[in-house]
Amino acid sequence: MDIQILMSDTCQTMGDVMRELDAAALLKGYFVLAGINSITNMNFASLLEQHKQTCKKDKGTAMTLVYKKLSWEHPLISSDRSTFLAANENTKKVLVHKRYRPKSKEKIISLPLDLVLNNSEVKLHHNLVDTNIALCSPTVPPLFSDNFDFQTRDDFIHGILINEEILASSLYYTLLKSNQYAAAITNWKTYQTVCRDILHKWVYPLSIESGLYSRDKYTLTGNLNFVENSAMLSRSCVLTENTLIGAKTQVQDNTTVTKSIIGKKCTIGNNVIINGSHIMNNVIIKDNCRISNSFIDDNCVISEGSNLHAGTIIAENVKVESGSDLKGRIECSIDNDKKLQKSESSGTEWEESSGSSDEEFIGFDKVWSDSESCYSSISSADSSLPDSPVPDDTKMFLQEVIDSLARGYDEKLKCDYLILEINSSRYAYNIQLNEVNFFVVRALLSMPVLSEAKNVLTTVKDILKYFRPVLANYIKSKSSIMDCLRAVEDTCLNCEWLDGKSGQILHLLYEADVVDEDSLVDWYAELKENANPFVKQPSLVKFFEWLQEASEESDDSE
């Protein structure tokens, strides 16, 4: 890849940059416009090709906006400016685009009447993550040059939509597939969420182990704890889960680190507790400190017995005095001219608060909640883009599980042996438990014997009966049952021998006591809430009608 870096002393906004690029005639073809704060593993080639096909149908196409669809409660949506988008469902042409501040109290959205009358089908989206990535036509730079009030991408979108006929330009959108990742870091909370996703490998192949983020060599020690090979850890320190320890960092006696990222050349003292925090480079944290949901920048010193919590932000070169108790504050050194302020136009918001309210606080979430799995089927299931490849490790793990189960079924091996094989494969490929639950069920429904069976449902029933101990070992909690149901959904959509049989498969699992009624109802409600097309399958509808009738009859008999 040939990379050219251009610098300018006069450009202050993205609009200025686009006008300067247009004046220099540097952009002559289709291009991708992405913010420096965007993180993604998407296939740009296929997206750009899709944009070119859209341009052939509509010569006035200026941009195709790229979004990721997630649940409304996902931290990337709940912690950022939410987007409301209305579009022609058939052509994906954007008709309305509005941005709302976090915790906006607006409850009513008005749509122009002609928007509904002039489009046969209008799709409304409220749960989209703005990736800050757009696919652009050669007409975009001249449009910025002709309209000097276009300073940001949002200005451009708003201007195009209200002056579509005058500018002879239009906007389209595309949704990423569920196994493609994209997000933009716009505030402390989205920064925390994206870091969490990278640790959880949702951004594969961009990962800690691949070395694409750093040339340092990290070792995975279990529970998603990454330790750089030159780091020095005391034997009595504890890394609980979801942690990263950088190069030449020292962690001393009886210190506990949980769900936190610690940079290079840091010194963490004795009896320190760090939870849900981000600590940059060359930081010294002395004995008996408590750091919770906070951010500490480079070259800081946290003196003995200090307590930092509730989203405290410590800027670089700050020394926190002994015994300090900081909550929801931004601490800067006196000689530091840089101030953290809210920005209305740059797209990045450094959130501020007095810290007096329990609901309003600076920085990170108080609870480190796991981000939604990339295997969730609610994300852009109807996208026309080709799937990004499943990570090699998960592919190999799935294939090994299928091979083990197929061999066990043919040779009538004990299920205990097969569970040992599956667990060995899990640790060999570093697969998380929720992924194991998902792939074990997917493997059972993907066995070669099913593709050759004359009566698929009878064979599935035999398989479930034979492998009941395997299912009982993995599918036993509410969360694991939800993993099982998502696996059924995924397999029924992708395996032709199960096409149209989702209801019957769920009935067999229900009769085998693998899944319970409450979990089924919750999962079905989730599908409905997210308008998943899978919910309309006739066999699925019939099964839930039967389940409801059976439940009502049981209540009547009682």
Protein backbone atom coordinates (compact mmCIF):
# COMPACT_ATOMS: atom_id res chain seq x y z
CA MET A 1 0.00 0.00 0.00
CA ASP A 2 1.36 3.37 -1.03
CA ILE A 3 0.70 5.87 1.77
CA GLN A 4 1.06 9.61 1.27
CA ILE A 5 0.84 11.94 4.26
CA LEU A 6 -0.12 15.55 3.55
CA MET A 7 0.08 18.36 6.10
CA SER A 8 -1.60 21.75 6.22
CA ASP A 9 -1.34 24.68 8.61
CA THR A 10 -4.61 26.23 7.44
CA CYS A 11 -7.11 23.36 7.68
CA GLN A 12 -9.19 23.42 10.84
CA THR A 13 -12.13 21.20 9.87
CA MET A 14 -12.80 18.22 7.68
CA GLY A 15 -14.50 20.57 5.20
CA ASP A 16 -11.28 22.59 4.88
CA VAL A 17 -9.37 19.38 4.17
CA MET A 18 -11.78 18.31 1.44
CA ARG A 19 -11.62 21.74 -0.21
CA GLU A 20 -7.83 21.69 -0.17
CA LEU A 21 -7.77 18.19 -1.67
CA ASP A 22 -10.16 19.35 -4.37
CA ALA A 23 -8.04 22.41 -5.18
CA ALA A 24 -4.98 20.18 -5.56
CA ALA A 25 -6.99 17.68 -7.67
CA LEU A 26 -5.65 14.79 -5.57
CA LEU A 27 -8.91 12.80 -5.49
CA LYS A 28 -10.02 11.85 -8.99
CA GLY A 29 -11.88 8.59 -8.43
CA TYR A 30 -13.99 6.78 -5.87
CA PHE A 31 -12.54 6.85 -2.36
CA VAL A 32 -13.19 5.91 1.27
CA LEU A 33 -13.62 8.75 3.77
CA ALA A 34 -12.84 7.60 7.31
CA GLY A 35 -12.12 9.41 10.54
CA ILE A 36 -8.88 8.80 12.41
CA ASN A 37 -11.06 7.65 15.34
CA SER A 38 -12.60 4.73 13.39
CA ILE A 39 -11.72 1.09 14.14
CA THR A 40 -12.86 -1.60 11.71
CA ASN A 41 -12.11 -4.96 10.12
CA MET A 42 -14.54 -4.48 7.22
CA ASN A 43 -13.82 -5.47 3.63
CA PHE A 44 -13.39 -2.09 1.94
CA ALA A 45 -13.04 -3.57 -1.56
CA SER A 46 -16.50 -5.16 -1.54
CA LEU A 47 -18.06 -2.05 0.02
CA LEU A 48 -16.53 0.22 -2.59
CA GLU A 49 -17.73 -2.10 -5.35
CA GLN A 50 -21.23 -1.95 -3.92
CA HIS A 51 -21.04 1.86 -3.93
CA LYS A 52 -20.00 1.84 -7.59
CA GLN A 53 -23.00 -0.34 -8.44
CA THR A 54 -25.26 2.14 -6.65
CA CYS A 55 -23.72 4.97 -8.68
CA LYS A 56 -24.56 3.15 -11.91
CA LYS A 57 -28.23 3.08 -10.90
CA ASP A 58 -28.25 6.66 -9.60
CA LYS A 59 -25.76 9.02 -11.29
CA GLY A 60 -26.25 11.57 -8.51
CA THR A 61 -24.99 9.27 -5.74
CA ALA A 62 -22.53 11.21 -3.60
CA MET A 63 -21.97 8.99 -0.56
CA THR A 64 -22.83 5.60 0.85
CA LEU A 65 -22.83 5.87 4.65
CA VAL A 66 -21.63 2.80 6.57
CA TYR A 67 -23.46 1.79 9.74
CA LYS A 68 -23.40 -1.10 12.19
CA LYS A 69 -26.74 -2.30 13.55
CA LEU A 70 -26.78 -3.31 17.22
CA SER A 71 -29.24 -3.68 20.06
CA TRP A 72 -30.52 -0.43 21.56
CA GLU A 73 -28.86 -1.22 24.92
CA HIS A 74 -25.41 -1.74 23.40
CA PRO A 75 -22.84 0.61 25.00
CA LEU A 76 -21.74 1.98 21.61
CA ILE A 77 -25.27 3.33 21.14
CA SER A 78 -26.31 4.18 24.69
CA SER A 79 -23.04 6.08 25.35
CA ASP A 80 -22.90 8.09 22.14
CA ARG A 81 -24.96 10.40 19.97
CA SER A 82 -27.72 8.17 18.61
CA THR A 83 -28.71 8.29 14.95
CA PHE A 84 -32.23 8.18 13.55
CA LEU A 85 -32.30 7.22 9.90
CA ALA A 86 -35.22 6.87 7.50
CA ALA A 87 -34.54 5.34 4.09
CA ASN A 88 -36.21 3.81 1.08
CA GLU A 89 -36.05 0.11 1.95
CA ASN A 90 -35.83 -1.02 -1.66
CA THR A 91 -33.03 1.29 -2.85
CA LYS A 92 -31.33 2.11 0.53
CA LYS A 93 -31.57 5.81 -0.32
CA VAL A 94 -31.36 8.02 2.79
CA LEU A 95 -34.41 10.22 3.30
CA VAL A 96 -33.99 11.53 6.87
CA HIS A 97 -30.86 11.66 9.01
CA LYS A 98 -30.92 13.07 12.56
CA ARG A 99 -28.40 12.96 15.39
CA TYR A 100 -29.41 13.12 19.05
CA ARG A 101 -27.25 13.83 22.05
CA PRO A 102 -26.84 11.08 24.68
CA LYS A 103 -29.86 10.81 26.98
CA SER A 104 -31.89 13.09 24.73
CA LYS A 105 -35.42 13.64 26.07
CA GLU A 106 -37.00 14.08 22.63
CA LYS A 107 -39.80 11.54 22.30
CA ILE A 108 -41.44 12.56 19.03
CA ILE A 109 -40.04 12.27 15.52
CA SER A 110 -41.80 14.07 12.67
CA LEU A 111 -41.60 12.71 9.13
CA PRO A 112 -42.65 14.79 6.13
CA LEU A 113 -45.85 13.46 4.55
CA ASP A 114 -44.39 13.47 1.04
CA LEU A 115 -41.59 11.18 2.26
CA VAL A 116 -44.16 8.47 2.97
CA LEU A 117 -46.28 9.16 -0.09
CA ASN A 118 -43.37 9.14 -2.55
CA ASN A 119 -41.77 5.90 -1.31
CA SER A 120 -43.49 2.53 -1.39
CA GLU A 121 -41.60 1.27 1.67
CA VAL A 122 -39.77 3.39 4.24
CA LYS A 123 -37.39 1.75 6.73
CA LEU A 124 -36.82 3.49 10.08
CA HIS A 125 -33.59 2.82 12.02
CA HIS A 126 -32.90 3.95 15.58
CA ASN A 127 -30.22 1.46 16.65
CA LEU A 128 -27.34 2.25 14.30
CA VAL A 129 -23.72 2.86 15.26
CA ASP A 130 -22.18 5.60 13.14
CA THR A 131 -18.81 4.18 12.07
CA ASN A 132 -17.63 7.58 10.76
CA ILE A 133 -16.85 5.84 7.46
CA ALA A 134 -18.35 6.71 4.07
CA LEU A 135 -17.80 5.55 0.50
CA CYS A 136 -17.51 8.59 -1.72
CA SER A 137 -17.92 9.46 -5.38
CA PRO A 138 -15.60 11.87 -7.24
CA THR A 139 -18.30 14.56 -6.84
CA VAL A 140 -17.81 14.86 -3.06
CA PRO A 141 -14.75 17.20 -3.00
CA PRO A 142 -16.34 19.67 -5.49
CA LEU A 143 -19.52 19.70 -3.37
CA PHE A 144 -17.44 20.78 -0.36
CA SER A 145 -15.74 23.44 -2.49
CA ASP A 146 -19.07 24.80 -3.71
CA ASN A 147 -20.59 24.92 -0.22
CA PHE A 148 -18.30 26.59 2.30
CA ASP A 149 -20.78 26.00 5.13
CA PHE A 150 -20.00 22.24 4.91
CA GLN A 151 -17.49 21.90 7.75
CA THR A 152 -18.20 18.37 9.00
CA ARG A 153 -19.62 15.19 7.57
CA ASP A 154 -22.90 15.88 9.37
CA ASP A 155 -23.03 19.30 7.68
CA PHE A 156 -22.56 17.58 4.33
CA ILE A 157 -25.30 15.02 5.01
CA HIS A 158 -27.75 17.68 6.21
CA GLY A 159 -26.98 19.95 3.26
CA ILE A 160 -27.44 17.19 0.70
CA LEU A 161 -30.77 16.06 2.16
CA ILE A 162 -32.36 19.52 2.31
CA ASN A 163 -30.96 20.63 -1.07
CA GLU A 164 -31.07 17.33 -2.95
CA GLU A 165 -32.69 18.75 -6.07
CA ILE A 166 -30.49 21.88 -6.15
CA LEU A 167 -27.24 19.96 -5.65
CA ALA A 168 -28.39 17.02 -7.82
CA SER A 169 -26.88 14.64 -5.27
CA SER A 170 -28.20 11.86 -3.06
CA LEU A 171 -27.08 9.69 -0.16
CA TYR A 172 -27.34 5.95 0.43
CA TYR A 173 -26.49 3.70 3.34
CA THR A 174 -25.29 0.15 3.95
CA LEU A 175 -25.27 -2.06 7.05
CA LEU A 176 -22.36 -4.26 7.99
CA LYS A 177 -22.75 -7.98 8.45
CA SER A 178 -22.86 -9.33 12.01
CA ASN A 179 -19.28 -10.64 11.85
CA GLN A 180 -17.86 -7.34 10.57
CA TYR A 181 -16.83 -4.78 13.16
CA ALA A 182 -16.74 -0.99 12.95
CA ALA A 183 -16.96 1.75 15.56
CA ALA A 184 -15.83 5.32 16.07
CA ILE A 185 -14.25 6.51 19.32
CA THR A 186 -16.06 9.76 20.17
CA ASN A 187 -15.91 9.92 23.97
CA TRP A 188 -14.50 8.13 27.01
CA LYS A 189 -17.23 5.51 27.09
CA THR A 190 -16.87 4.50 23.45
CA TYR A 191 -13.08 4.41 23.97
CA GLN A 192 -13.63 1.95 26.81
CA THR A 193 -16.04 -0.15 24.74
CA VAL A 194 -13.74 -0.40 21.70
CA CYS A 195 -10.76 -1.36 23.89
CA ARG A 196 -12.93 -4.04 25.45
CA ASP A 197 -13.95 -5.35 22.02
CA ILE A 198 -10.31 -5.56 20.90
CA LEU A 199 -9.44 -7.61 23.99
CA HIS A 200 -12.43 -9.85 23.26
CA LYS A 201 -11.23 -10.34 19.66
CA TRP A 202 -14.39 -8.97 18.03
CA VAL A 203 -12.16 -6.88 15.74
CA TYR A 204 -10.22 -9.88 14.39
CA PRO A 205 -7.79 -9.94 12.59
CA LEU A 206 -6.94 -6.71 14.44
CA SER A 207 -5.98 -8.21 17.77
CA ILE A 208 -3.41 -8.02 20.53
CA GLU A 209 -1.84 -11.36 19.61
CA SER A 210 -1.58 -10.65 15.88
CA GLY A 211 0.81 -7.77 16.52
CA LEU A 212 -1.13 -5.47 14.19
CA TYR A 213 -1.62 -2.96 17.02
CA SER A 214 1.85 -3.25 18.48
CA ARG A 215 5.21 -4.82 17.76
CA ASP A 216 5.35 -6.04 21.34
CA LYS A 217 4.94 -9.76 21.97
CA TYR A 218 2.07 -10.61 24.26
CA THR A 219 1.29 -13.89 25.97
CA LEU A 220 -2.29 -14.89 26.70
CA THR A 221 -2.42 -16.27 30.23
CA GLY A 222 -6.12 -17.23 30.35
CA ASN A 223 -9.36 -15.34 31.01
CA LEU A 224 -8.29 -12.90 28.28
CA ASN A 225 -5.31 -11.61 30.25
CA PHE A 226 -2.52 -10.39 27.94
CA VAL A 227 0.96 -9.88 29.39
CA GLU A 228 3.88 -8.49 27.40
CA ASN A 229 6.89 -10.77 27.63
CA SER A 230 9.13 -8.16 29.28
CA ALA A 231 6.60 -7.28 32.03
CA MET A 232 7.46 -8.33 35.59
CA LEU A 233 4.62 -9.69 37.72
CA SER A 234 4.85 -10.62 41.37
CA ARG A 235 3.87 -14.19 42.19
CA SER A 236 1.24 -12.88 44.60
CA CYS A 237 -0.42 -10.43 42.20
CA VAL A 238 -3.69 -11.45 40.57
CA LEU A 239 -4.90 -10.73 37.04
CA THR A 240 -8.58 -11.59 37.22
CA GLU A 241 -9.86 -11.19 33.63
CA ASN A 242 -9.81 -8.93 30.57
CA THR A 243 -6.51 -7.24 31.36
CA LEU A 244 -3.49 -6.12 29.38
CA ILE A 245 -0.07 -5.44 30.91
CA GLY A 246 2.38 -3.52 28.69
CA ALA A 247 6.11 -3.86 28.14
CA LYS A 248 8.50 -3.43 31.11
CA THR A 249 5.63 -2.79 33.51
CA GLN A 250 6.04 -4.03 37.09
CA VAL A 251 3.14 -5.26 39.21
CA GLN A 252 4.09 -5.88 42.83
CA ASP A 253 2.82 -7.98 45.75
CA ASN A 254 -0.87 -8.60 46.54
CA THR A 255 -2.09 -6.33 43.75
CA THR A 256 -5.27 -7.22 41.87
CA VAL A 257 -5.99 -6.04 38.31
CA THR A 258 -9.40 -6.64 36.76
CA LYS A 259 -10.77 -5.56 33.35
CA SER A 260 -8.10 -2.92 32.89
CA ILE A 261 -5.40 -1.91 30.42
CA ILE A 262 -1.97 -0.86 31.70
CA GLY A 263 0.62 0.62 29.34
CA LYS A 264 4.43 0.45 29.15
CA LYS A 265 7.02 1.06 31.88
CA CYS A 266 4.48 1.47 34.66
CA THR A 267 5.15 0.60 38.30
CA ILE A 268 2.19 -0.69 40.28
CA GLY A 269 2.88 -0.95 44.02
CA ASN A 270 1.78 -3.35 46.77
CA ASN A 271 -1.85 -3.97 47.78
CA VAL A 272 -3.25 -1.98 44.85
CA ILE A 273 -6.69 -2.73 43.38
CA ILE A 274 -7.30 -1.64 39.76
CA ASN A 275 -10.69 -2.27 38.19
CA GLY A 276 -12.18 -1.16 34.85
CA SER A 277 -9.46 1.44 34.26
CA HIS A 278 -7.03 2.56 31.57
CA ILE A 279 -3.50 3.47 32.61
CA MET A 280 -1.13 4.84 30.01
CA ASN A 281 2.71 4.76 29.94
CA ASN A 282 5.29 5.58 32.65
CA VAL A 283 2.70 5.79 35.42
CA ILE A 284 3.63 5.14 39.06
CA ILE A 285 0.89 3.92 41.38
CA LYS A 286 2.15 3.56 44.91
CA ASP A 287 1.03 1.21 47.67
CA ASN A 288 -2.56 0.75 48.92
CA CYS A 289 -4.28 2.68 46.10
CA ARG A 290 -7.75 1.92 44.72
CA ILE A 291 -8.34 2.77 41.05
CA SER A 292 -11.83 2.15 39.66
CA ASN A 293 -13.30 3.15 36.26
CA SER A 294 -10.69 5.86 35.75
CA PHE A 295 -8.21 7.05 33.13
CA ILE A 296 -4.61 7.96 34.00
CA ASP A 297 -2.48 9.55 31.28
CA ASP A 298 1.30 9.35 30.75
CA ASN A 299 3.91 10.18 33.41
CA CYS A 300 1.53 10.46 36.35
CA VAL A 301 2.23 9.59 39.98
CA ILE A 302 -0.57 8.34 42.23
CA SER A 303 0.69 8.55 45.81
CA GLU A 304 0.04 6.11 48.67
CA GLY A 305 -3.48 5.39 49.81
CA SER A 306 -5.21 7.33 47.03
CA ASN A 307 -8.71 6.42 45.88
CA LEU A 308 -9.75 7.21 42.26
CA HIS A 309 -13.22 6.16 41.18
CA ALA A 310 -16.44 7.10 39.35
CA GLY A 311 -14.79 8.08 36.09
CA THR A 312 -11.88 10.22 37.27
CA ILE A 313 -9.64 11.52 34.45
CA ILE A 314 -5.99 12.29 35.28
CA ALA A 315 -4.18 14.25 32.56
CA GLU A 316 -0.46 13.75 31.84
CA ASN A 317 2.30 14.77 34.28
CA VAL A 318 -0.08 15.03 37.27
CA LYS A 319 0.92 13.99 40.79
CA VAL A 320 -1.95 12.95 43.03
CA GLU A 321 -1.19 13.57 46.71
CA SER A 322 -1.28 10.82 49.33
CA GLY A 323 -4.70 9.85 50.62
CA SER A 324 -6.60 11.70 47.87
CA ASP A 325 -10.18 10.63 47.22
CA LEU A 326 -11.18 11.70 43.69
CA LYS A 327 -14.58 11.10 42.18
CA GLY A 328 -15.81 12.22 38.76
CA ARG A 329 -13.11 14.87 38.27
CA ILE A 330 -10.65 15.93 35.60
CA GLU A 331 -7.22 16.64 37.07
CA CYS A 332 -4.69 18.67 35.01
CA SER A 333 -1.27 19.97 35.96
CA ILE A 334 -0.99 23.75 36.48
CA ASP A 335 1.45 24.22 33.60
CA ASN A 336 -0.65 22.13 31.25
CA ASP A 337 -2.28 24.46 28.71
CA LYS A 338 -4.45 21.69 27.28
CA LYS A 339 -7.96 21.65 28.69
CA LEU A 340 -10.57 18.96 28.15
CA GLN A 341 -13.64 20.67 26.79
CA LYS A 342 -16.79 19.76 24.99
CA SER A 343 -16.58 20.03 21.24
CA GLU A 344 -19.71 20.60 19.16
CA SER A 345 -18.23 20.19 15.69
CA SER A 346 -15.30 17.81 15.79
CA GLY A 347 -17.38 14.74 16.52
CA THR A 348 -15.44 14.06 19.73
CA GLU A 349 -17.04 14.92 23.06
CA TRP A 350 -14.99 14.99 26.25
CA GLU A 351 -17.78 14.61 28.75
CA GLU A 352 -17.72 16.75 31.88
CA SER A 353 -19.68 16.65 35.09
CA SER A 354 -19.59 17.95 38.59
CA GLY A 355 -19.78 14.38 39.81
CA SER A 356 -22.56 15.27 42.25
CA SER A 357 -25.21 13.16 40.57
CA ASP A 358 -25.05 9.40 40.64
CA GLU A 359 -26.42 9.25 37.11
CA GLU A 360 -24.05 11.84 35.66
CA PHE A 361 -20.32 11.20 35.75
CA ILE A 362 -17.20 11.70 33.71
CA GLY A 363 -15.60 9.00 31.67
CA PHE A 364 -16.15 5.29 31.69
CA ASP A 365 -19.11 3.13 32.55
CA LYS A 366 -19.36 2.17 36.18
CA VAL A 367 -19.91 -1.45 35.23
CA TRP A 368 -17.75 -3.23 32.67
CA SER A 369 -20.53 -4.85 30.63
CA ASP A 370 -19.58 -7.28 27.90
CA SER A 371 -20.14 -5.94 24.39
CA GLU A 372 -22.55 -7.79 22.16
CA SER A 373 -21.03 -10.80 20.48
CA CYS A 374 -20.24 -10.51 16.79
CA TYR A 375 -22.06 -13.85 16.37
CA SER A 376 -25.39 -12.24 17.25
CA SER A 377 -27.68 -12.61 14.26
CA ILE A 378 -29.57 -9.36 14.79
CA SER A 379 -26.85 -7.29 13.17
CA SER A 380 -27.54 -6.52 9.54
CA ALA A 381 -28.82 -9.95 8.62
CA ASP A 382 -30.28 -8.60 5.42
CA SER A 383 -27.13 -6.86 4.17
CA SER A 384 -26.22 -7.60 0.57
CA LEU A 385 -22.48 -7.57 1.24
CA PRO A 386 -20.52 -10.83 1.19
CA ASP A 387 -19.62 -12.19 4.62
CA SER A 388 -16.26 -11.37 6.08
CA PRO A 389 -14.39 -14.60 6.76
CA VAL A 390 -14.86 -16.16 10.19
CA PRO A 391 -11.56 -15.96 12.11
CA ASP A 392 -9.29 -18.91 11.32
CA ASP A 393 -9.13 -20.09 14.95
CA THR A 394 -12.91 -20.31 15.27
CA LYS A 395 -13.18 -22.01 11.87
CA MET A 396 -10.64 -24.61 12.92
CA PHE A 397 -12.29 -25.06 16.32
CA LEU A 398 -15.72 -25.57 14.74
CA GLN A 399 -14.34 -28.10 12.27
CA GLU A 400 -12.55 -30.03 15.02
CA VAL A 401 -15.77 -30.18 17.07
CA ILE A 402 -17.73 -31.42 14.03
CA ASP A 403 -15.07 -34.07 13.35
CA SER A 404 -15.02 -35.20 16.99
CA LEU A 405 -18.80 -35.45 17.23
CA ALA A 406 -19.12 -37.20 13.86
CA ARG A 407 -16.48 -39.76 14.85
CA GLY A 408 -18.09 -40.23 18.25
CA TYR A 409 -21.51 -40.78 16.66
CA ASP A 410 -20.19 -43.29 14.14
CA GLU A 411 -18.00 -45.21 16.60
CA LYS A 412 -20.39 -44.83 19.56
CA LEU A 413 -17.73 -43.27 21.79
CA LYS A 414 -18.51 -42.14 25.34
CA CYS A 415 -19.61 -38.53 25.57
CA ASP A 416 -17.16 -37.92 28.44
CA TYR A 417 -14.27 -38.52 26.03
CA LEU A 418 -15.79 -36.15 23.49
CA ILE A 419 -16.18 -33.42 26.12
CA LEU A 420 -12.47 -33.76 26.92
CA GLU A 421 -11.64 -33.42 23.21
CA ILE A 422 -13.83 -30.32 22.86
CA ASN A 423 -12.26 -28.71 25.94
CA SER A 424 -8.77 -29.47 24.63
CA SER A 425 -9.63 -27.81 21.33
CA ARG A 426 -11.12 -24.86 23.20
CA TYR A 427 -7.89 -24.17 25.09
CA ALA A 428 -5.75 -24.82 22.01
CA TYR A 429 -7.60 -22.14 20.05
CA ASN A 430 -8.40 -19.86 23.02
CA ILE A 431 -12.17 -19.97 22.48
CA GLN A 432 -14.38 -18.23 25.04
CA LEU A 433 -17.05 -20.19 26.86
CA ASN A 434 -20.02 -18.48 25.20
CA GLU A 435 -18.44 -19.26 21.82
CA VAL A 436 -18.00 -22.91 22.85
CA ASN A 437 -21.71 -23.11 23.68
CA PHE A 438 -22.55 -21.58 20.30
CA PHE A 439 -20.23 -23.78 18.24
CA VAL A 440 -21.07 -27.06 19.99
CA VAL A 441 -24.75 -26.65 19.09
CA ARG A 442 -23.85 -25.47 15.61
CA ALA A 443 -21.58 -28.51 15.17
CA LEU A 444 -24.33 -30.93 16.27
CA LEU A 445 -26.68 -29.49 13.66
CA SER A 446 -23.96 -29.42 10.98
CA MET A 447 -22.81 -33.05 11.16
CA PRO A 448 -22.27 -34.71 7.76
CA VAL A 449 -24.83 -37.42 8.56
CA LEU A 450 -27.60 -34.79 8.45
CA SER A 451 -26.81 -33.70 4.89
CA GLU A 452 -27.24 -37.31 3.76
CA ALA A 453 -30.24 -38.23 5.92
CA LYS A 454 -33.57 -39.13 4.30
CA ASN A 455 -35.47 -37.93 7.36
CA VAL A 456 -33.52 -35.03 8.84
CA LEU A 457 -35.74 -34.49 11.89
CA THR A 458 -35.53 -38.16 12.94
CA THR A 459 -31.75 -38.00 12.64
CA VAL A 460 -31.61 -34.76 14.63
CA LYS A 461 -33.69 -36.42 17.36
CA ASP A 462 -31.25 -39.36 17.49
CA ILE A 463 -28.28 -36.98 17.61
CA LEU A 464 -29.77 -34.97 20.48
CA LYS A 465 -30.51 -38.15 22.39
CA TYR A 466 -27.01 -39.56 21.91
CA PHE A 467 -25.22 -36.29 22.70
CA ARG A 468 -27.48 -35.28 25.61
CA PRO A 469 -24.54 -35.48 28.10
CA VAL A 470 -22.52 -33.14 25.86
CA LEU A 471 -25.34 -30.62 25.73
CA ALA A 472 -25.90 -30.93 29.49
CA ASN A 473 -22.23 -30.11 30.07
CA TYR A 474 -22.36 -26.83 28.10
CA ILE A 475 -26.00 -25.71 27.99
CA LYS A 476 -27.05 -25.31 31.62
CA SER A 477 -27.45 -21.58 32.41
CA LYS A 478 -29.76 -18.91 31.00
CA SER A 479 -26.93 -17.27 29.04
CA SER A 480 -25.79 -20.63 27.59
CA ILE A 481 -29.36 -21.41 26.52
CA MET A 482 -29.45 -18.09 24.66
CA ASP A 483 -26.14 -19.09 22.97
CA CYS A 484 -27.81 -22.37 22.00
CA LEU A 485 -30.84 -20.60 20.48
CA ARG A 486 -28.64 -18.22 18.49
CA ALA A 487 -26.73 -21.23 17.18
CA VAL A 488 -30.00 -22.86 16.07
CA GLU A 489 -30.97 -19.66 14.29
CA ASP A 490 -27.57 -19.38 12.59
CA THR A 491 -27.49 -23.02 11.50
CA CYS A 492 -31.07 -23.03 10.19
CA LEU A 493 -30.23 -20.00 8.05
CA ASN A 494 -27.00 -21.46 6.66
CA CYS A 495 -27.61 -25.23 6.32
CA GLU A 496 -29.95 -26.22 3.52
CA TRP A 497 -30.95 -29.50 5.22
CA LEU A 498 -32.49 -27.47 8.06
CA ASP A 499 -34.19 -24.89 5.83
CA GLY A 500 -37.73 -24.27 7.07
CA LYS A 501 -37.33 -26.65 10.03
CA SER A 502 -36.42 -24.18 12.78
CA GLY A 503 -39.68 -24.73 14.68
CA GLN A 504 -39.27 -28.51 14.66
CA ILE A 505 -35.64 -28.24 15.82
CA LEU A 506 -36.68 -26.03 18.75
CA HIS A 507 -39.47 -28.48 19.59
CA LEU A 508 -36.96 -31.33 19.78
CA LEU A 509 -34.63 -29.27 22.00
CA TYR A 510 -37.59 -28.33 24.21
CA GLU A 511 -38.72 -31.94 24.56
CA ALA A 512 -35.15 -32.97 25.38
CA ASP A 513 -35.07 -30.35 28.19
CA VAL A 514 -32.13 -28.57 26.59
CA VAL A 515 -34.02 -25.26 26.44
CA ASP A 516 -36.78 -24.00 28.73
CA GLU A 517 -39.96 -22.09 28.00
CA ASP A 518 -38.87 -18.80 29.61
CA SER A 519 -35.66 -18.64 27.55
CA LEU A 520 -37.57 -19.47 24.36
CA VAL A 521 -40.09 -16.69 25.03
CA ASP A 522 -37.33 -14.17 25.80
CA TRP A 523 -35.38 -15.10 22.68
CA TYR A 524 -38.51 -14.90 20.48
CA ALA A 525 -39.36 -11.47 21.95
CA GLU A 526 -35.81 -10.32 21.18
CA LEU A 527 -36.19 -11.41 17.55
CA LYS A 528 -39.47 -9.51 17.28
CA GLU A 529 -38.06 -6.41 18.93
CA ASN A 530 -35.19 -6.28 16.46
CA ALA A 531 -37.46 -7.01 13.45
CA ASN A 532 -35.40 -10.06 12.55
CA PRO A 533 -36.80 -11.69 9.37
CA PHE A 534 -36.10 -15.10 10.93
CA VAL A 535 -39.12 -14.57 13.19
CA LYS A 536 -41.48 -14.91 10.20
CA GLN A 537 -40.54 -18.51 9.36
CA PRO A 538 -43.81 -20.53 9.33
CA SER A 539 -42.46 -23.45 11.39
CA LEU A 540 -41.16 -21.03 14.03
CA VAL A 541 -44.52 -19.23 14.22
CA LYS A 542 -46.37 -22.56 14.58
CA PHE A 543 -44.03 -23.75 17.32
CA PHE A 544 -44.54 -20.63 19.45
CA GLU A 545 -48.31 -20.79 18.89
CA TRP A 546 -48.20 -24.37 20.18
CA LEU A 547 -45.99 -23.34 23.10
CA GLN A 548 -48.42 -20.59 24.10
CA GLU A 549 -51.44 -22.94 23.87
CA ALA A 550 -49.64 -25.59 25.92
CA SER A 551 -48.77 -22.99 28.55
CA GLU A 552 -52.38 -21.73 28.73
CA GLU A 553 -53.72 -25.28 29.05
CA SER A 554 -51.26 -25.95 31.86
CA ASP A 555 -52.40 -22.80 33.67
CA ASP A 556 -56.07 -23.79 33.27
CA SER A 557 -55.46 -27.27 34.66
CA GLU A 558 -53.78 -25.79 37.71
